[in-house]
């Protein structure tokens, strides 16, 4: 039996954690998240307080139904927004406050159903109004309902030029929604990355990584998903780890190969413990065999889980 066959058997035998929730306070029902306080039903979100029903929210407070937002407070149904306060149904906005139905606005306050504005106040459909008229028109618009407002906004969006890319404070980067990064190519929704490529959803001190998704505080990683640490390859949901390859659901573990569900462990192969010397020799032997078969440095070829047991089967109507 080769390494991948043994690993597949291990995958099917090791119990899985229901939730990956680190250092959460009064936040039982969040997943793939850490350092949240009094939050509910968040996914892939960190450092939030009093938030609920969100995805990829970071450093937010008192916000609901938001996705891909950072440093926002009192926001509802916002997408791809940063540093916003008291905003409702806004998208691609930065440093905006007390506004609703904005698209691609920066530094705006008390604006309603606007597109592409910069540092404006008391604007409706990109036209300026007095403070009294602004509040009266906004009140009437809300009474007429969401469909009326959305129709007017969509018509305006067709007339206003849009930004081709969303980037800020970068050097030699390509992709979209990139912030405070350097030497990062073909990456999307990343922040504070350096010398990385083909990344998706990577934030906070990510360096020298390629082909990774949903990672943070990580260096020298390749083809990893939901990981933090140093020198990780082909790992899934491994946090605060180092020198791991082909591992899943390992936490605070180091120098492991082909392991699943370990916590605070060292020098393990397929969940079996070895001395440091035995570990290095065994790993070298496994790698040599995989390289000879041209399998090393590649992801697994087939899933060990039956297609019928996946959500994809449900979506495609397979019984």
C-alpha atoms as a PDB file:
ATOM      1  CA  UNK A   1       0.000   0.000   0.000  1.00  0.00           C
ATOM      2  CA  UNK A   2       1.487   3.361  -1.029  1.00  0.00           C
ATOM      3  CA  UNK A   3       1.363   6.635   0.904  1.00  0.00           C
ATOM      4  CA  UNK A   4      -1.769   8.019  -0.725  1.00  0.00           C
ATOM      5  CA  UNK A   5      -3.736   4.827  -0.129  1.00  0.00           C
ATOM      6  CA  UNK A   6      -2.763   4.866   3.543  1.00  0.00           C
ATOM      7  CA  UNK A   7      -3.621   8.535   3.767  1.00  0.00           C
ATOM      8  CA  UNK A   8      -7.052   7.956   2.268  1.00  0.00           C
ATOM      9  CA  UNK A   9      -7.756   5.241   4.832  1.00  0.00           C
ATOM     10  CA  UNK A  10      -6.701   7.652   7.562  1.00  0.00           C
ATOM     11  CA  UNK A  11      -8.988  10.343   6.179  1.00  0.00           C
ATOM     12  CA  UNK A  12     -11.970   8.028   6.431  1.00  0.00           C
ATOM     13  CA  UNK A  13     -11.159   6.825   9.947  1.00  0.00           C
ATOM     14  CA  UNK A  14     -10.254  10.017  11.844  1.00  0.00           C
ATOM     15  CA  UNK A  15     -13.197  11.985  13.330  1.00  0.00           C
ATOM     16  CA  UNK A  16     -13.632  15.559  12.103  1.00  0.00           C
ATOM     17  CA  UNK A  17     -14.248  18.607  14.235  1.00  0.00           C
ATOM     18  CA  UNK A  18     -17.646  20.176  13.669  1.00  0.00           C
ATOM     19  CA  UNK A  19     -16.347  23.755  13.917  1.00  0.00           C
ATOM     20  CA  UNK A  20     -12.944  25.408  13.723  1.00  0.00           C
ATOM     21  CA  UNK A  21     -13.371  28.222  16.206  1.00  0.00           C
ATOM     22  CA  UNK A  22     -10.273  29.532  18.006  1.00  0.00           C
ATOM     23  CA  UNK A  23     -10.319  31.892  20.988  1.00  0.00           C
ATOM     24  CA  UNK A  24     -13.975  32.770  20.554  1.00  0.00           C
ATOM     25  CA  UNK A  25     -15.908  34.407  23.383  1.00  0.00           C
ATOM     26  CA  UNK A  26     -19.655  33.858  23.485  1.00  0.00           C
ATOM     27  CA  UNK A  27     -19.420  32.840  19.831  1.00  0.00           C
ATOM     28  CA  UNK A  28     -20.297  29.158  19.652  1.00  0.00           C
ATOM     29  CA  UNK A  29     -21.763  29.093  16.165  1.00  0.00           C
ATOM     30  CA  UNK A  30     -18.962  30.489  14.021  1.00  0.00           C
ATOM     31  CA  UNK A  31     -16.686  28.447  11.787  1.00  0.00           C
ATOM     32  CA  UNK A  32     -13.196  28.851  10.334  1.00  0.00           C
ATOM     33  CA  UNK A  33     -12.819  31.826  12.635  1.00  0.00           C
ATOM     34  CA  UNK A  34     -10.768  33.167  15.522  1.00  0.00           C
ATOM     35  CA  UNK A  35     -10.807  35.946  18.117  1.00  0.00           C
ATOM     36  CA  UNK A  36     -14.510  36.769  17.805  1.00  0.00           C
ATOM     37  CA  UNK A  37     -16.665  38.065  20.653  1.00  0.00           C
ATOM     38  CA  UNK A  38     -20.434  37.754  20.909  1.00  0.00           C
ATOM     39  CA  UNK A  39     -20.821  36.746  17.261  1.00  0.00           C
ATOM     40  CA  UNK A  40     -23.238  34.327  15.589  1.00  0.00           C
ATOM     41  CA  UNK A  41     -23.141  32.487  12.262  1.00  0.00           C
ATOM     42  CA  UNK A  42     -19.943  33.969  10.889  1.00  0.00           C
ATOM     43  CA  UNK A  43     -17.702  32.099   8.472  1.00  0.00           C
ATOM     44  CA  UNK A  44     -14.048  32.761   7.723  1.00  0.00           C
ATOM     45  CA  UNK A  45     -14.145  35.851   9.926  1.00  0.00           C
ATOM     46  CA  UNK A  46     -11.747  37.133  12.589  1.00  0.00           C
ATOM     47  CA  UNK A  47     -11.533  39.798  15.305  1.00  0.00           C
ATOM     48  CA  UNK A  48     -15.217  40.797  15.226  1.00  0.00           C
ATOM     49  CA  UNK A  49     -17.572  41.838  18.005  1.00  0.00           C
ATOM     50  CA  UNK A  50     -21.373  41.707  18.127  1.00  0.00           C
ATOM     51  CA  UNK A  51     -21.724  40.618  14.495  1.00  0.00           C
ATOM     52  CA  UNK A  52     -23.866  37.970  12.863  1.00  0.00           C
ATOM     53  CA  UNK A  53     -24.609  36.273   9.515  1.00  0.00           C
ATOM     54  CA  UNK A  54     -21.378  37.244   7.779  1.00  0.00           C
ATOM     55  CA  UNK A  55     -18.642  35.904   5.563  1.00  0.00           C
ATOM     56  CA  UNK A  56     -14.999  37.054   5.496  1.00  0.00           C
ATOM     57  CA  UNK A  57     -15.581  39.853   8.002  1.00  0.00           C
ATOM     58  CA  UNK A  58     -12.525  41.192   9.813  1.00  0.00           C
ATOM     59  CA  UNK A  59     -12.228  43.711  12.661  1.00  0.00           C
ATOM     60  CA  UNK A  60     -15.910  44.685  12.487  1.00  0.00           C
ATOM     61  CA  UNK A  61     -18.436  45.639  15.168  1.00  0.00           C
ATOM     62  CA  UNK A  62     -22.233  45.575  15.377  1.00  0.00           C
ATOM     63  CA  UNK A  63     -22.702  44.519  11.745  1.00  0.00           C
ATOM     64  CA  UNK A  64     -25.107  42.061  10.126  1.00  0.00           C
ATOM     65  CA  UNK A  65     -25.382  40.229   6.795  1.00  0.00           C
ATOM     66  CA  UNK A  66     -22.078  41.511   5.410  1.00  0.00           C
ATOM     67  CA  UNK A  67     -19.504  39.868   3.187  1.00  0.00           C
ATOM     68  CA  UNK A  68     -15.874  40.760   2.504  1.00  0.00           C
ATOM     69  CA  UNK A  69     -15.822  43.779   4.805  1.00  0.00           C
ATOM     70  CA  UNK A  70     -13.090  45.088   7.104  1.00  0.00           C
ATOM     71  CA  UNK A  71     -12.988  47.655   9.894  1.00  0.00           C
ATOM     72  CA  UNK A  72     -16.696  48.393   9.566  1.00  0.00           C
ATOM     73  CA  UNK A  73     -19.200  49.274  12.264  1.00  0.00           C
ATOM     74  CA  UNK A  74     -23.005  49.372  12.290  1.00  0.00           C
ATOM     75  CA  UNK A  75     -23.194  48.102   8.725  1.00  0.00           C
ATOM     76  CA  UNK A  76     -25.954  45.969   7.214  1.00  0.00           C
ATOM     77  CA  UNK A  77     -25.880  44.010   3.936  1.00  0.00           C
ATOM     78  CA  UNK A  78     -22.608  45.522   2.746  1.00  0.00           C
ATOM     79  CA  UNK A  79     -20.170  43.852   0.345  1.00  0.00           C
ATOM     80  CA  UNK A  80     -16.497  44.620  -0.310  1.00  0.00           C
ATOM     81  CA  UNK A  81     -16.453  47.641   2.005  1.00  0.00           C
ATOM     82  CA  UNK A  82     -13.668  48.981   4.207  1.00  0.00           C
ATOM     83  CA  UNK A  83     -13.643  51.481   7.073  1.00  0.00           C
ATOM     84  CA  UNK A  84     -17.358  52.262   6.819  1.00  0.00           C
ATOM     85  CA  UNK A  85     -19.754  53.328   9.571  1.00  0.00           C
ATOM     86  CA  UNK A  86     -23.539  53.052   9.701  1.00  0.00           C
ATOM     87  CA  UNK A  87     -23.972  52.013   6.082  1.00  0.00           C
ATOM     88  CA  UNK A  88     -26.771  49.986   4.503  1.00  0.00           C
ATOM     89  CA  UNK A  89     -26.573  47.955   1.301  1.00  0.00           C
ATOM     90  CA  UNK A  90     -23.314  49.452   0.073  1.00  0.00           C
ATOM     91  CA  UNK A  91     -20.755  47.843  -2.227  1.00  0.00           C
ATOM     92  CA  UNK A  92     -17.124  48.647  -3.021  1.00  0.00           C
ATOM     93  CA  UNK A  93     -17.087  51.601  -0.635  1.00  0.00           C
ATOM     94  CA  UNK A  94     -14.338  53.001   1.603  1.00  0.00           C
ATOM     95  CA  UNK A  95     -14.464  55.487   4.473  1.00  0.00           C
ATOM     96  CA  UNK A  96     -18.180  56.158   4.056  1.00  0.00           C
ATOM     97  CA  UNK A  97     -20.689  56.813   6.838  1.00  0.00           C
ATOM     98  CA  UNK A  98     -24.410  57.330   7.433  1.00  0.00           C
ATOM     99  CA  UNK A  99     -25.225  56.277   3.883  1.00  0.00           C
ATOM    100  CA  UNK A 100     -27.245  53.698   1.977  1.00  0.00           C
ATOM    101  CA  UNK A 101     -27.273  52.090  -1.475  1.00  0.00           C
ATOM    102  CA  UNK A 102     -23.823  53.333  -2.459  1.00  0.00           C
ATOM    103  CA  UNK A 103     -21.627  51.774  -5.125  1.00  0.00           C
ATOM    104  CA  UNK A 104     -17.926  52.550  -5.528  1.00  0.00           C
ATOM    105  CA  UNK A 105     -17.930  55.591  -3.251  1.00  0.00           C
ATOM    106  CA  UNK A 106     -15.018  56.831  -1.139  1.00  0.00           C
ATOM    107  CA  UNK A 107     -15.057  59.311   1.734  1.00  0.00           C
ATOM    108  CA  UNK A 108     -18.783  60.038   1.434  1.00  0.00           C
ATOM    109  CA  UNK A 109     -21.159  60.942   4.248  1.00  0.00           C
ATOM    110  CA  UNK A 110     -24.950  61.203   4.206  1.00  0.00           C
ATOM    111  CA  UNK A 111     -25.295  59.983   0.634  1.00  0.00           C
ATOM    112  CA  UNK A 112     -28.042  57.854  -0.869  1.00  0.00           C
ATOM    113  CA  UNK A 113     -28.162  55.711  -4.018  1.00  0.00           C
ATOM    114  CA  UNK A 114     -24.957  57.143  -5.467  1.00  0.00           C
ATOM    115  CA  UNK A 115     -22.280  55.733  -7.741  1.00  0.00           C
ATOM    116  CA  UNK A 116     -18.601  56.653  -8.046  1.00  0.00           C
ATOM    117  CA  UNK A 117     -18.600  59.676  -5.716  1.00  0.00           C
ATOM    118  CA  UNK A 118     -15.578  60.964  -3.814  1.00  0.00           C
ATOM    119  CA  UNK A 119     -15.791  63.001  -0.607  1.00  0.00           C
ATOM    120  CA  UNK A 120     -19.389  64.134  -1.063  1.00  0.00           C
ATOM    121  CA  UNK A 121     -22.229  64.816   1.359  1.00  0.00           C
ATOM    122  CA  UNK A 122     -26.008  65.089   1.004  1.00  0.00           C
ATOM    123  CA  UNK A 123     -26.122  63.581  -2.479  1.00  0.00           C
ATOM    124  CA  UNK A 124     -28.926  61.473  -3.957  1.00  0.00           C
ATOM    125  CA  UNK A 125     -28.417  59.739  -7.302  1.00  0.00           C
ATOM    126  CA  UNK A 126     -25.200  61.768  -7.608  1.00  0.00           C
ATOM    127  CA  UNK A 127     -27.027  65.101  -7.306  1.00  0.00           C
ATOM    128  CA  UNK A 128     -26.460  67.508  -4.377  1.00  0.00           C
ATOM    129  CA  UNK A 129     -29.288  68.589  -2.063  1.00  0.00           C
ATOM    130  CA  UNK A 130     -29.705  70.712   1.021  1.00  0.00           C
ATOM    131  CA  UNK A 131     -29.684  68.807   4.305  1.00  0.00           C
ATOM    132  CA  UNK A 132     -33.431  69.275   4.800  1.00  0.00           C
ATOM    133  CA  UNK A 133     -34.313  68.200   1.268  1.00  0.00           C
ATOM    134  CA  UNK A 134     -31.939  65.245   1.468  1.00  0.00           C
ATOM    135  CA  UNK A 135     -33.591  63.746   4.551  1.00  0.00           C
ATOM    136  CA  UNK A 136     -37.096  64.301   3.154  1.00  0.00           C
ATOM    137  CA  UNK A 137     -36.299  62.620  -0.180  1.00  0.00           C
ATOM    138  CA  UNK A 138     -34.526  59.680   1.488  1.00  0.00           C
ATOM    139  CA  UNK A 139     -37.503  59.116   3.786  1.00  0.00           C
ATOM    140  CA  UNK A 140     -39.860  59.112   0.808  1.00  0.00           C
ATOM    141  CA  UNK A 141     -37.599  56.717  -1.116  1.00  0.00           C
ATOM    142  CA  UNK A 142     -37.579  54.193   1.727  1.00  0.00           C
ATOM    143  CA  UNK A 143     -41.368  54.366   1.877  1.00  0.00           C
ATOM    144  CA  UNK A 144     -41.541  53.561  -1.840  1.00  0.00           C
ATOM    145  CA  UNK A 145     -39.522  50.411  -1.191  1.00  0.00           C
ATOM    146  CA  UNK A 146     -36.351  48.579  -2.113  1.00  0.00           C
ATOM    147  CA  UNK A 147     -37.391  47.746  -5.683  1.00  0.00           C
ATOM    148  CA  UNK A 148     -37.848  51.420  -6.553  1.00  0.00           C
ATOM    149  CA  UNK A 149     -34.488  52.418  -5.036  1.00  0.00           C
ATOM    150  CA  UNK A 150     -32.654  49.503  -6.644  1.00  0.00           C
ATOM    151  CA  UNK A 151     -34.082  50.278 -10.047  1.00  0.00           C
ATOM    152  CA  UNK A 152     -32.908  53.883  -9.869  1.00  0.00           C
ATOM    153  CA  UNK A 153     -29.458  52.819  -8.669  1.00  0.00           C
ATOM    154  CA  UNK A 154     -29.009  50.228 -11.403  1.00  0.00           C
ATOM    155  CA  UNK A 155     -29.919  52.806 -14.029  1.00  0.00           C
ATOM    156  CA  UNK A 156     -27.313  55.196 -12.606  1.00  0.00           C
ATOM    157  CA  UNK A 157     -24.644  52.477 -12.523  1.00  0.00           C
ATOM    158  CA  UNK A 158     -24.991  52.062 -16.274  1.00  0.00           C
ATOM    159  CA  UNK A 159     -24.079  55.718 -16.796  1.00  0.00           C
ATOM    160  CA  UNK A 160     -21.108  56.183 -14.445  1.00  0.00           C
ATOM    161  CA  UNK A 161     -17.631  54.838 -15.321  1.00  0.00           C
ATOM    162  CA  UNK A 162     -16.297  52.142 -12.984  1.00  0.00           C
ATOM    163  CA  UNK A 163     -12.878  51.363 -11.647  1.00  0.00           C
ATOM    164  CA  UNK A 164     -11.148  48.558 -13.497  1.00  0.00           C
ATOM    165  CA  UNK A 165      -9.359  47.379 -10.338  1.00  0.00           C
ATOM    166  CA  UNK A 166      -9.619  47.832  -6.602  1.00  0.00           C
ATOM    167  CA  UNK A 167      -6.094  48.345  -5.292  1.00  0.00           C
ATOM    168  CA  UNK A 168      -4.522  50.578  -2.644  1.00  0.00           C
ATOM    169  CA  UNK A 169      -0.971  51.037  -1.339  1.00  0.00           C
ATOM    170  CA  UNK A 170       0.541  48.280  -3.491  1.00  0.00           C
ATOM    171  CA  UNK A 171       3.813  47.785  -5.358  1.00  0.00           C
ATOM    172  CA  UNK A 172       4.060  45.542  -8.402  1.00  0.00           C
ATOM    173  CA  UNK A 173       0.808  43.669  -7.857  1.00  0.00           C
ATOM    174  CA  UNK A 174      -1.752  42.227 -10.251  1.00  0.00           C
ATOM    175  CA  UNK A 175      -5.263  41.044  -9.545  1.00  0.00           C
ATOM    176  CA  UNK A 176      -8.222  42.691  -7.816  1.00  0.00           C
ATOM    177  CA  UNK A 177      -9.144  43.788  -4.302  1.00  0.00           C
ATOM    178  CA  UNK A 178      -5.482  43.974  -3.274  1.00  0.00           C
ATOM    179  CA  UNK A 179      -4.394  46.215  -0.400  1.00  0.00           C
ATOM    180  CA  UNK A 180      -1.063  47.038   1.261  1.00  0.00           C
ATOM    181  CA  UNK A 181       0.817  44.359  -0.669  1.00  0.00           C
ATOM    182  CA  UNK A 182       4.078  43.984  -2.545  1.00  0.00           C
ATOM    183  CA  UNK A 183       5.162  41.672  -5.352  1.00  0.00           C
ATOM    184  CA  UNK A 184       1.878  39.759  -5.396  1.00  0.00           C
ATOM    185  CA  UNK A 185       0.601  38.499  -8.742  1.00  0.00           C
ATOM    186  CA  UNK A 186      -2.766  37.275  -9.991  1.00  0.00           C
ATOM    187  CA  UNK A 187      -4.331  37.404  -6.528  1.00  0.00           C
ATOM    188  CA  UNK A 188      -7.763  38.417  -5.302  1.00  0.00           C
ATOM    189  CA  UNK A 189      -9.133  39.675  -1.984  1.00  0.00           C
ATOM    190  CA  UNK A 190      -5.741  39.925  -0.308  1.00  0.00           C
ATOM    191  CA  UNK A 191      -4.245  42.326   2.204  1.00  0.00           C
ATOM    192  CA  UNK A 192      -0.700  42.643   3.548  1.00  0.00           C
ATOM    193  CA  UNK A 193       0.857  40.066   1.216  1.00  0.00           C
ATOM    194  CA  UNK A 194       4.451  40.045   0.006  1.00  0.00           C
ATOM    195  CA  UNK A 195       6.039  37.985  -2.775  1.00  0.00           C
ATOM    196  CA  UNK A 196       2.968  35.815  -3.311  1.00  0.00           C
ATOM    197  CA  UNK A 197       1.109  34.518  -6.329  1.00  0.00           C
ATOM    198  CA  UNK A 198      -2.281  33.070  -7.246  1.00  0.00           C
ATOM    199  CA  UNK A 199      -3.743  33.791  -3.832  1.00  0.00           C
ATOM    200  CA  UNK A 200      -7.384  34.042  -2.855  1.00  0.00           C
ATOM    201  CA  UNK A 201      -8.567  35.518   0.424  1.00  0.00           C
ATOM    202  CA  UNK A 202      -5.210  36.017   2.108  1.00  0.00           C
ATOM    203  CA  UNK A 203      -4.662  38.646   4.801  1.00  0.00           C
ATOM    204  CA  UNK A 204      -2.360  39.705   7.612  1.00  0.00           C
ATOM    205  CA  UNK A 205       1.353  39.020   7.166  1.00  0.00           C
ATOM    206  CA  UNK A 206       1.325  36.519   4.314  1.00  0.00           C
ATOM    207  CA  UNK A 207       4.720  36.081   2.656  1.00  0.00           C
ATOM    208  CA  UNK A 208       6.312  33.842   0.006  1.00  0.00           C
ATOM    209  CA  UNK A 209       3.174  31.803  -0.659  1.00  0.00           C
ATOM    210  CA  UNK A 210       1.633  30.434  -3.850  1.00  0.00           C
ATOM    211  CA  UNK A 211      -1.695  28.859  -4.752  1.00  0.00           C
ATOM    212  CA  UNK A 212      -3.305  29.336  -1.346  1.00  0.00           C
ATOM    213  CA  UNK A 213      -6.771  30.341  -0.179  1.00  0.00           C
ATOM    214  CA  UNK A 214      -8.130  31.627   3.128  1.00  0.00           C
ATOM    215  CA  UNK A 215      -4.743  31.981   4.817  1.00  0.00           C
ATOM    216  CA  UNK A 216      -3.199  34.520   7.184  1.00  0.00           C
ATOM    217  CA  UNK A 217      -0.035  34.928   9.239  1.00  0.00           C
ATOM    218  CA  UNK A 218       1.702  32.407   7.034  1.00  0.00           C
ATOM    219  CA  UNK A 219       5.053  32.148   5.267  1.00  0.00           C
ATOM    220  CA  UNK A 220       6.468  29.691   2.741  1.00  0.00           C
ATOM    221  CA  UNK A 221       3.223  27.893   1.912  1.00  0.00           C
ATOM    222  CA  UNK A 222       2.127  26.132  -1.258  1.00  0.00           C
ATOM    223  CA  UNK A 223      -1.347  24.864  -2.146  1.00  0.00           C
ATOM    224  CA  UNK A 224      -2.827  25.356   1.301  1.00  0.00           C
ATOM    225  CA  UNK A 225      -6.355  26.154   2.393  1.00  0.00           C
ATOM    226  CA  UNK A 226      -7.256  27.772   5.712  1.00  0.00           C
ATOM    227  CA  UNK A 227      -3.801  27.758   7.239  1.00  0.00           C
ATOM    228  CA  UNK A 228      -1.475  29.772   9.460  1.00  0.00           C
ATOM    229  CA  UNK A 229       2.161  29.100  10.256  1.00  0.00           C
ATOM    230  CA  UNK A 230       5.446  28.461   8.470  1.00  0.00           C
ATOM    231  CA  UNK A 231       6.535  26.115   5.677  1.00  0.00           C
ATOM    232  CA  UNK A 232       3.273  24.315   4.922  1.00  0.00           C
ATOM    233  CA  UNK A 233       2.583  22.367   1.737  1.00  0.00           C
ATOM    234  CA  UNK A 234      -0.671  20.732   0.600  1.00  0.00           C
ATOM    235  CA  UNK A 235      -2.369  21.367   3.951  1.00  0.00           C
ATOM    236  CA  UNK A 236      -6.013  21.990   4.780  1.00  0.00           C
ATOM    237  CA  UNK A 237      -7.159  23.694   7.983  1.00  0.00           C
ATOM    238  CA  UNK A 238      -3.829  23.629   9.781  1.00  0.00           C
ATOM    239  CA  UNK A 239      -3.382  26.534  12.187  1.00  0.00           C
ATOM    240  CA  UNK A 240      -0.294  27.658  14.106  1.00  0.00           C
ATOM    241  CA  UNK A 241       1.795  24.888  12.559  1.00  0.00           C
ATOM    242  CA  UNK A 242       5.202  24.581  10.914  1.00  0.00           C
ATOM    243  CA  UNK A 243       6.959  22.160   8.566  1.00  0.00           C
ATOM    244  CA  UNK A 244       3.850  20.203   7.574  1.00  0.00           C
ATOM    245  CA  UNK A 245       3.015  18.428   4.334  1.00  0.00           C
ATOM    246  CA  UNK A 246      -0.209  16.684   3.294  1.00  0.00           C
ATOM    247  CA  UNK A 247      -1.892  17.384   6.640  1.00  0.00           C
ATOM    248  CA  UNK A 248      -5.466  18.216   7.564  1.00  0.00           C
ATOM    249  CA  UNK A 249      -7.080  19.625  10.692  1.00  0.00           C
ATOM    250  CA  UNK A 250      -3.838  19.901  12.640  1.00  0.00           C
ATOM    251  CA  UNK A 251      -3.327  22.593  15.257  1.00  0.00           C
ATOM    252  CA  UNK A 252      -0.117  23.803  16.892  1.00  0.00           C
ATOM    253  CA  UNK A 253       1.760  20.863  15.420  1.00  0.00           C
ATOM    254  CA  UNK A 254       5.202  20.745  13.845  1.00  0.00           C
ATOM    255  CA  UNK A 255       7.228  18.435  11.602  1.00  0.00           C
ATOM    256  CA  UNK A 256       4.375  16.196  10.507  1.00  0.00           C
ATOM    257  CA  UNK A 257       3.675  14.415   7.225  1.00  0.00           C
ATOM    258  CA  UNK A 258       0.337  13.014   6.095  1.00  0.00           C
ATOM    259  CA  UNK A 259      -1.450  13.561   9.415  1.00  0.00           C
ATOM    260  CA  UNK A 260      -5.054  14.344  10.274  1.00  0.00           C
ATOM    261  CA  UNK A 261      -6.647  15.735  13.432  1.00  0.00           C
ATOM    262  CA  UNK A 262      -3.496  16.258  15.503  1.00  0.00           C
ATOM    263  CA  UNK A 263      -3.036  18.854  18.202  1.00  0.00           C
ATOM    264  CA  UNK A 264       0.247  19.827  19.881  1.00  0.00           C
ATOM    265  CA  UNK A 265       2.194  17.035  18.185  1.00  0.00           C
ATOM    266  CA  UNK A 266       5.639  16.702  16.610  1.00  0.00           C
ATOM    267  CA  UNK A 267       7.361  14.218  14.317  1.00  0.00           C
ATOM    268  CA  UNK A 268       4.298  12.261  13.218  1.00  0.00           C
ATOM    269  CA  UNK A 269       3.713  10.421   9.950  1.00  0.00           C
ATOM    270  CA  UNK A 270       0.196   9.195   9.196  1.00  0.00           C
ATOM    271  CA  UNK A 271      -0.620   9.983  12.842  1.00  0.00           C
ATOM    272  CA  UNK A 272       2.169   7.734  14.153  1.00  0.00           C
ATOM    273  CA  UNK A 273       4.941   9.214  16.287  1.00  0.00           C
ATOM    274  CA  UNK A 274       8.629   8.829  15.393  1.00  0.00           C
ATOM    275  CA  UNK A 275      11.895  10.037  16.817  1.00  0.00           C
ATOM    276  CA  UNK A 276      13.340  13.066  14.960  1.00  0.00           C
ATOM    277  CA  UNK A 277      15.906  10.836  13.241  1.00  0.00           C
ATOM    278  CA  UNK A 278      13.349   8.194  12.264  1.00  0.00           C
ATOM    279  CA  UNK A 279      10.983  10.891  11.064  1.00  0.00           C
ATOM    280  CA  UNK A 280      13.500  12.498   8.722  1.00  0.00           C
ATOM    281  CA  UNK A 281      14.522   9.132   7.254  1.00  0.00           C
ATOM    282  CA  UNK A 282      10.930   7.959   6.784  1.00  0.00           C
ATOM    283  CA  UNK A 283       9.814  11.212   5.159  1.00  0.00           C
ATOM    284  CA  UNK A 284      12.777  11.109   2.783  1.00  0.00           C
ATOM    285  CA  UNK A 285      11.820   7.547   1.831  1.00  0.00           C
ATOM    286  CA  UNK A 286       8.178   8.496   1.180  1.00  0.00           C
ATOM    287  CA  UNK A 287       9.157  11.525  -0.869  1.00  0.00           C
ATOM    288  CA  UNK A 288      11.600   9.510  -2.964  1.00  0.00           C
ATOM    289  CA  UNK A 289       8.872   6.984  -3.777  1.00  0.00           C
ATOM    290  CA  UNK A 290       6.375   9.742  -4.653  1.00  0.00           C
ATOM    291  CA  UNK A 291       8.891  11.518  -6.864  1.00  0.00           C
ATOM    292  CA  UNK A 292       9.666   8.285  -8.697  1.00  0.00           C
ATOM    293  CA  UNK A 293       5.941   7.915  -9.450  1.00  0.00           C
ATOM    294  CA  UNK A 294       5.677  11.625 -10.316  1.00  0.00           C
ATOM    295  CA  UNK A 295       3.164  12.156  -7.507  1.00  0.00           C
ATOM    296  CA  UNK A 296       5.121  14.391  -5.167  1.00  0.00           C
ATOM    297  CA  UNK A 297       4.281  18.101  -5.034  1.00  0.00           C
ATOM    298  CA  UNK A 298       0.834  17.394  -6.443  1.00  0.00           C
ATOM    299  CA  UNK A 299      -2.563  17.509  -4.860  1.00  0.00           C
ATOM    300  CA  UNK A 300      -4.560  14.315  -4.420  1.00  0.00           C
ATOM    301  CA  UNK A 301      -5.939  12.929  -7.625  1.00  0.00           C
ATOM    302  CA  UNK A 302      -9.374  11.849  -6.455  1.00  0.00           C
ATOM    303  CA  UNK A 303     -11.539  12.544  -3.443  1.00  0.00           C
ATOM    304  CA  UNK A 304     -12.054   9.748  -0.945  1.00  0.00           C
ATOM    305  CA  UNK A 305     -15.575  10.964  -0.262  1.00  0.00           C
ATOM    306  CA  UNK A 306     -18.437   9.692  -2.461  1.00  0.00           C
ATOM    307  CA  UNK A 307     -19.943  12.368  -4.676  1.00  0.00           C
ATOM    308  CA  UNK A 308     -23.404  11.404  -3.438  1.00  0.00           C
ATOM    309  CA  UNK A 309     -22.432  12.570   0.073  1.00  0.00           C
ATOM    310  CA  UNK A 310     -21.500  16.106  -0.973  1.00  0.00           C
ATOM    311  CA  UNK A 311     -23.453  19.334  -1.293  1.00  0.00           C
ATOM    312  CA  UNK A 312     -22.656  19.294  -4.997  1.00  0.00           C
ATOM    313  CA  UNK A 313     -24.875  16.237  -5.354  1.00  0.00           C
ATOM    314  CA  UNK A 314     -27.694  18.121  -3.662  1.00  0.00           C
ATOM    315  CA  UNK A 315     -27.270  21.148  -5.936  1.00  0.00           C
ATOM    316  CA  UNK A 316     -27.198  19.008  -9.080  1.00  0.00           C
ATOM    317  CA  UNK A 317     -30.200  16.926  -8.027  1.00  0.00           C
ATOM    318  CA  UNK A 318     -28.378  13.639  -7.464  1.00  0.00           C
ATOM    319  CA  UNK A 319     -30.178  11.349  -4.991  1.00  0.00           C
END
